[in-house]
Amino acid sequence: MTGLSTILIVVGLFLAGGVYSFSKQKMPKGPVVLLAGASAMCLVAGVMRIQGIWG
């Protein structure tokens, strides 16, 4: 596992926690959707790097 993969996965999990927190606080849908998309992209990019598909 490379350093960038680890960072991407950690950031993705951090953003996923933000999605959970924002949804529990009943925040507007815009920030929740934005964080969910960013979280998914970070997690997918990290896993793709680990698998050797990307980078």
PDB file of N, CA and C in Angstrom:
ATOM      1  N   MET A   1       0.849  -1.169   0.000  1.00  0.00           N
ATOM      2  CA  MET A   1       0.000   0.000   0.000  1.00  0.00           C
ATOM      3  C   MET A   1       0.895   1.233   0.000  1.00  0.00           C
ATOM      4  N   THR A   2       0.597   2.152  -0.883  1.00  0.00           N
ATOM      5  CA  THR A   2       1.420   3.353  -0.980  1.00  0.00           C
ATOM      6  C   THR A   2       0.879   4.450  -0.074  1.00  0.00           C
ATOM      7  N   GLY A   3       1.669   5.478   0.116  1.00  0.00           N
ATOM      8  CA  GLY A   3       1.272   6.589   0.962  1.00  0.00           C
ATOM      9  C   GLY A   3       0.046   7.328   0.437  1.00  0.00           C
ATOM     10  N   LEU A   4      -0.008   7.537  -0.882  1.00  0.00           N
ATOM     11  CA  LEU A   4      -1.142   8.252  -1.459  1.00  0.00           C
ATOM     12  C   LEU A   4      -2.426   7.449  -1.303  1.00  0.00           C
ATOM     13  N   SER A   5      -2.352   6.143  -1.472  1.00  0.00           N
ATOM     14  CA  SER A   5      -3.532   5.296  -1.286  1.00  0.00           C
ATOM     15  C   SER A   5      -4.053   5.417   0.132  1.00  0.00           C
ATOM     16  N   THR A   6      -3.154   5.395   1.091  1.00  0.00           N
ATOM     17  CA  THR A   6      -3.544   5.519   2.497  1.00  0.00           C
ATOM     18  C   THR A   6      -4.200   6.860   2.758  1.00  0.00           C
ATOM     19  N   ILE A   7      -3.626   7.918   2.222  1.00  0.00           N
ATOM     20  CA  ILE A   7      -4.183   9.253   2.419  1.00  0.00           C
ATOM     21  C   ILE A   7      -5.572   9.352   1.793  1.00  0.00           C
ATOM     22  N   LEU A   8      -5.738   8.828   0.587  1.00  0.00           N
ATOM     23  CA  LEU A   8      -7.038   8.879  -0.078  1.00  0.00           C
ATOM     24  C   LEU A   8      -8.105   8.133   0.723  1.00  0.00           C
ATOM     25  N   ILE A   9      -7.755   6.977   1.245  1.00  0.00           N
ATOM     26  CA  ILE A   9      -8.714   6.199   2.015  1.00  0.00           C
ATOM     27  C   ILE A   9      -9.050   6.899   3.326  1.00  0.00           C
ATOM     28  N   VAL A  10      -8.054   7.438   4.002  1.00  0.00           N
ATOM     29  CA  VAL A  10      -8.309   8.148   5.263  1.00  0.00           C
ATOM     30  C   VAL A  10      -9.179   9.382   5.021  1.00  0.00           C
ATOM     31  N   VAL A  11      -8.882  10.143   3.978  1.00  0.00           N
ATOM     32  CA  VAL A  11      -9.697  11.324   3.664  1.00  0.00           C
ATOM     33  C   VAL A  11     -11.122  10.905   3.302  1.00  0.00           C
ATOM     34  N   GLY A  12     -11.247   9.822   2.547  1.00  0.00           N
ATOM     35  CA  GLY A  12     -12.577   9.320   2.191  1.00  0.00           C
ATOM     36  C   GLY A  12     -13.382   8.917   3.409  1.00  0.00           C
ATOM     37  N   LEU A  13     -12.747   8.255   4.362  1.00  0.00           N
ATOM     38  CA  LEU A  13     -13.443   7.864   5.588  1.00  0.00           C
ATOM     39  C   LEU A  13     -13.785   9.082   6.437  1.00  0.00           C
ATOM     40  N   PHE A  14     -12.899  10.071   6.467  1.00  0.00           N
ATOM     41  CA  PHE A  14     -13.169  11.310   7.187  1.00  0.00           C
ATOM     42  C   PHE A  14     -14.387  12.017   6.596  1.00  0.00           C
ATOM     43  N   LEU A  15     -14.450  12.092   5.269  1.00  0.00           N
ATOM     44  CA  LEU A  15     -15.587  12.719   4.614  1.00  0.00           C
ATOM     45  C   LEU A  15     -16.870  11.921   4.828  1.00  0.00           C
ATOM     46  N   ALA A  16     -16.749  10.593   4.865  1.00  0.00           N
ATOM     47  CA  ALA A  16     -17.925   9.763   5.146  1.00  0.00           C
ATOM     48  C   ALA A  16     -18.461  10.055   6.549  1.00  0.00           C
ATOM     49  N   GLY A  17     -17.571  10.288   7.495  1.00  0.00           N
ATOM     50  CA  GLY A  17     -17.993  10.681   8.832  1.00  0.00           C
ATOM     51  C   GLY A  17     -18.697  12.025   8.815  1.00  0.00           C
ATOM     52  N   GLY A  18     -18.230  12.942   7.979  1.00  0.00           N
ATOM     53  CA  GLY A  18     -18.896  14.233   7.815  1.00  0.00           C
ATOM     54  C   GLY A  18     -20.297  14.086   7.245  1.00  0.00           C
ATOM     55  N   VAL A  19     -20.449  13.168   6.293  1.00  0.00           N
ATOM     56  CA  VAL A  19     -21.769  12.905   5.721  1.00  0.00           C
ATOM     57  C   VAL A  19     -22.708  12.410   6.814  1.00  0.00           C
ATOM     58  N   TYR A  20     -22.239  11.482   7.614  1.00  0.00           N
ATOM     59  CA  TYR A  20     -23.054  10.935   8.706  1.00  0.00           C
ATOM     60  C   TYR A  20     -23.437  12.038   9.691  1.00  0.00           C
ATOM     61  N   SER A  21     -22.461  12.855  10.067  1.00  0.00           N
ATOM     62  CA  SER A  21     -22.709  13.931  11.024  1.00  0.00           C
ATOM     63  C   SER A  21     -23.692  14.958  10.465  1.00  0.00           C
ATOM     64  N   PHE A  22     -23.493  15.368   9.213  1.00  0.00           N
ATOM     65  CA  PHE A  22     -24.379  16.361   8.609  1.00  0.00           C
ATOM     66  C   PHE A  22     -25.792  15.823   8.473  1.00  0.00           C
ATOM     67  N   SER A  23     -25.927  14.546   8.124  1.00  0.00           N
ATOM     68  CA  SER A  23     -27.270  13.993   7.968  1.00  0.00           C
ATOM     69  C   SER A  23     -27.971  13.868   9.325  1.00  0.00           C
ATOM     70  N   LYS A  24     -27.218  13.580  10.390  1.00  0.00           N
ATOM     71  CA  LYS A  24     -27.809  13.508  11.730  1.00  0.00           C
ATOM     72  C   LYS A  24     -28.265  14.888  12.204  1.00  0.00           C
ATOM     73  N   GLN A  25     -27.583  15.939  11.762  1.00  0.00           N
ATOM     74  CA  GLN A  25     -27.931  17.303  12.153  1.00  0.00           C
ATOM     75  C   GLN A  25     -29.003  17.909  11.254  1.00  0.00           C
ATOM     76  N   LYS A  26     -29.462  17.125  10.274  1.00  0.00           N
ATOM     77  CA  LYS A  26     -30.478  17.571   9.324  1.00  0.00           C
ATOM     78  C   LYS A  26     -30.045  18.834   8.568  1.00  0.00           C
ATOM     79  N   MET A  27     -28.798  18.794   8.096  1.00  0.00           N
ATOM     80  CA  MET A  27     -28.261  19.903   7.300  1.00  0.00           C
ATOM     81  C   MET A  27     -28.922  19.881   5.915  1.00  0.00           C
ATOM     82  N   PRO A  28     -28.798  20.968   5.158  1.00  0.00           N
ATOM     83  CA  PRO A  28     -29.352  20.989   3.795  1.00  0.00           C
ATOM     84  C   PRO A  28     -28.737  19.882   2.941  1.00  0.00           C
ATOM     85  N   LYS A  29     -29.484  19.433   1.957  1.00  0.00           N
ATOM     86  CA  LYS A  29     -29.056  18.302   1.125  1.00  0.00           C
ATOM     87  C   LYS A  29     -27.796  18.602   0.313  1.00  0.00           C
ATOM     88  N   GLY A  30     -27.576  19.843  -0.084  1.00  0.00           N
ATOM     89  CA  GLY A  30     -26.428  20.193  -0.933  1.00  0.00           C
ATOM     90  C   GLY A  30     -25.088  19.794  -0.344  1.00  0.00           C
ATOM     91  N   PRO A  31     -24.754  20.223   0.879  1.00  0.00           N
ATOM     92  CA  PRO A  31     -23.464  19.833   1.462  1.00  0.00           C
ATOM     93  C   PRO A  31     -23.344  18.333   1.700  1.00  0.00           C
ATOM     94  N   VAL A  32     -24.458  17.693   2.041  1.00  0.00           N
ATOM     95  CA  VAL A  32     -24.429  16.249   2.293  1.00  0.00           C
ATOM     96  C   VAL A  32     -24.102  15.499   1.002  1.00  0.00           C
ATOM     97  N   VAL A  33     -24.740  15.897  -0.090  1.00  0.00           N
ATOM     98  CA  VAL A  33     -24.487  15.248  -1.387  1.00  0.00           C
ATOM     99  C   VAL A  33     -23.058  15.521  -1.849  1.00  0.00           C
ATOM    100  N   LEU A  34     -22.583  16.749  -1.657  1.00  0.00           N
ATOM    101  CA  LEU A  34     -21.213  17.099  -2.045  1.00  0.00           C
ATOM    102  C   LEU A  34     -20.192  16.275  -1.269  1.00  0.00           C
ATOM    103  N   LEU A  35     -20.378  16.158   0.047  1.00  0.00           N
ATOM    104  CA  LEU A  35     -19.462  15.352   0.853  1.00  0.00           C
ATOM    105  C   LEU A  35     -19.543  13.876   0.493  1.00  0.00           C
ATOM    106  N   ALA A  36     -20.738  13.381   0.211  1.00  0.00           N
ATOM    107  CA  ALA A  36     -20.892  11.972  -0.159  1.00  0.00           C
ATOM    108  C   ALA A  36     -20.149  11.673  -1.466  1.00  0.00           C
ATOM    109  N   GLY A  37     -20.265  12.573  -2.431  1.00  0.00           N
ATOM    110  CA  GLY A  37     -19.565  12.378  -3.702  1.00  0.00           C
ATOM    111  C   GLY A  37     -18.058  12.419  -3.527  1.00  0.00           C
ATOM    112  N   ALA A  38     -17.577  13.382  -2.741  1.00  0.00           N
ATOM    113  CA  ALA A  38     -16.136  13.492  -2.506  1.00  0.00           C
ATOM    114  C   ALA A  38     -15.615  12.270  -1.757  1.00  0.00           C
ATOM    115  N   SER A  39     -16.386  11.797  -0.796  1.00  0.00           N
ATOM    116  CA  SER A  39     -15.992  10.613  -0.041  1.00  0.00           C
ATOM    117  C   SER A  39     -15.886   9.390  -0.954  1.00  0.00           C
ATOM    118  N   ALA A  40     -16.893   9.211  -1.785  1.00  0.00           N
ATOM    119  CA  ALA A  40     -16.892   8.062  -2.697  1.00  0.00           C
ATOM    120  C   ALA A  40     -15.712   8.130  -3.663  1.00  0.00           C
ATOM    121  N   MET A  41     -15.426   9.321  -4.192  1.00  0.00           N
ATOM    122  CA  MET A  41     -14.309   9.449  -5.134  1.00  0.00           C
ATOM    123  C   MET A  41     -12.977   9.135  -4.460  1.00  0.00           C
ATOM    124  N   CYS A  42     -12.770   9.622  -3.240  1.00  0.00           N
ATOM    125  CA  CYS A  42     -11.516   9.359  -2.522  1.00  0.00           C
ATOM    126  C   CYS A  42     -11.359   7.871  -2.226  1.00  0.00           C
ATOM    127  N   LEU A  43     -12.434   7.251  -1.753  1.00  0.00           N
ATOM    128  CA  LEU A  43     -12.349   5.826  -1.421  1.00  0.00           C
ATOM    129  C   LEU A  43     -12.098   4.973  -2.664  1.00  0.00           C
ATOM    130  N   VAL A  44     -12.793   5.271  -3.746  1.00  0.00           N
ATOM    131  CA  VAL A  44     -12.603   4.502  -4.986  1.00  0.00           C
ATOM    132  C   VAL A  44     -11.193   4.702  -5.526  1.00  0.00           C
ATOM    133  N   ALA A  45     -10.697   5.935  -5.517  1.00  0.00           N
ATOM    134  CA  ALA A  45      -9.344   6.199  -6.017  1.00  0.00           C
ATOM    135  C   ALA A  45      -8.304   5.472  -5.170  1.00  0.00           C
ATOM    136  N   GLY A  46      -8.479   5.470  -3.847  1.00  0.00           N
ATOM    137  CA  GLY A  46      -7.541   4.756  -2.977  1.00  0.00           C
ATOM    138  C   GLY A  46      -7.525   3.265  -3.236  1.00  0.00           C
ATOM    139  N   VAL A  47      -8.706   2.682  -3.385  1.00  0.00           N
ATOM    140  CA  VAL A  47      -8.779   1.240  -3.638  1.00  0.00           C
ATOM    141  C   VAL A  47      -8.222   0.907  -5.018  1.00  0.00           C
ATOM    142  N   MET A  48      -8.500   1.762  -6.011  1.00  0.00           N
ATOM    143  CA  MET A  48      -7.969   1.515  -7.357  1.00  0.00           C
ATOM    144  C   MET A  48      -6.441   1.562  -7.353  1.00  0.00           C
ATOM    145  N   ARG A  49      -5.850   2.471  -6.565  1.00  0.00           N
ATOM    146  CA  ARG A  49      -4.385   2.531  -6.483  1.00  0.00           C
ATOM    147  C   ARG A  49      -3.829   1.278  -5.817  1.00  0.00           C
ATOM    148  N   ILE A  50      -4.501   0.791  -4.791  1.00  0.00           N
ATOM    149  CA  ILE A  50      -4.040  -0.421  -4.108  1.00  0.00           C
ATOM    150  C   ILE A  50      -4.070  -1.604  -5.057  1.00  0.00           C
ATOM    151  N   GLN A  51      -5.138  -1.689  -5.866  1.00  0.00           N
ATOM    152  CA  GLN A  51      -5.287  -2.803  -6.788  1.00  0.00           C
ATOM    153  C   GLN A  51      -4.387  -2.672  -8.015  1.00  0.00           C
ATOM    154  N   GLY A  52      -3.779  -1.518  -8.200  1.00  0.00           N
ATOM    155  CA  GLY A  52      -2.885  -1.320  -9.345  1.00  0.00           C
ATOM    156  C   GLY A  52      -3.609  -0.948 -10.624  1.00  0.00           C
ATOM    157  N   ILE A  53      -4.881  -0.607 -10.532  1.00  0.00           N
ATOM    158  CA  ILE A  53      -5.658  -0.245 -11.713  1.00  0.00           C
ATOM    159  C   ILE A  53      -5.328   1.161 -12.159  1.00  0.00           C
ATOM    160  N   TRP A  54      -5.069   2.036 -11.196  1.00  0.00           N
ATOM    161  CA  TRP A  54      -4.813   3.448 -11.485  1.00  0.00           C
ATOM    162  C   TRP A  54      -3.528   3.874 -10.820  1.00  0.00           C
ATOM    163  N   GLY A  55      -2.683   4.549 -11.536  1.00  0.00           N
ATOM    164  CA  GLY A  55      -1.439   5.076 -10.980  1.00  0.00           C
ATOM    165  C   GLY A  55      -0.422   4.052 -10.910  1.00  0.00           C
TER     166      GLY A  55
END
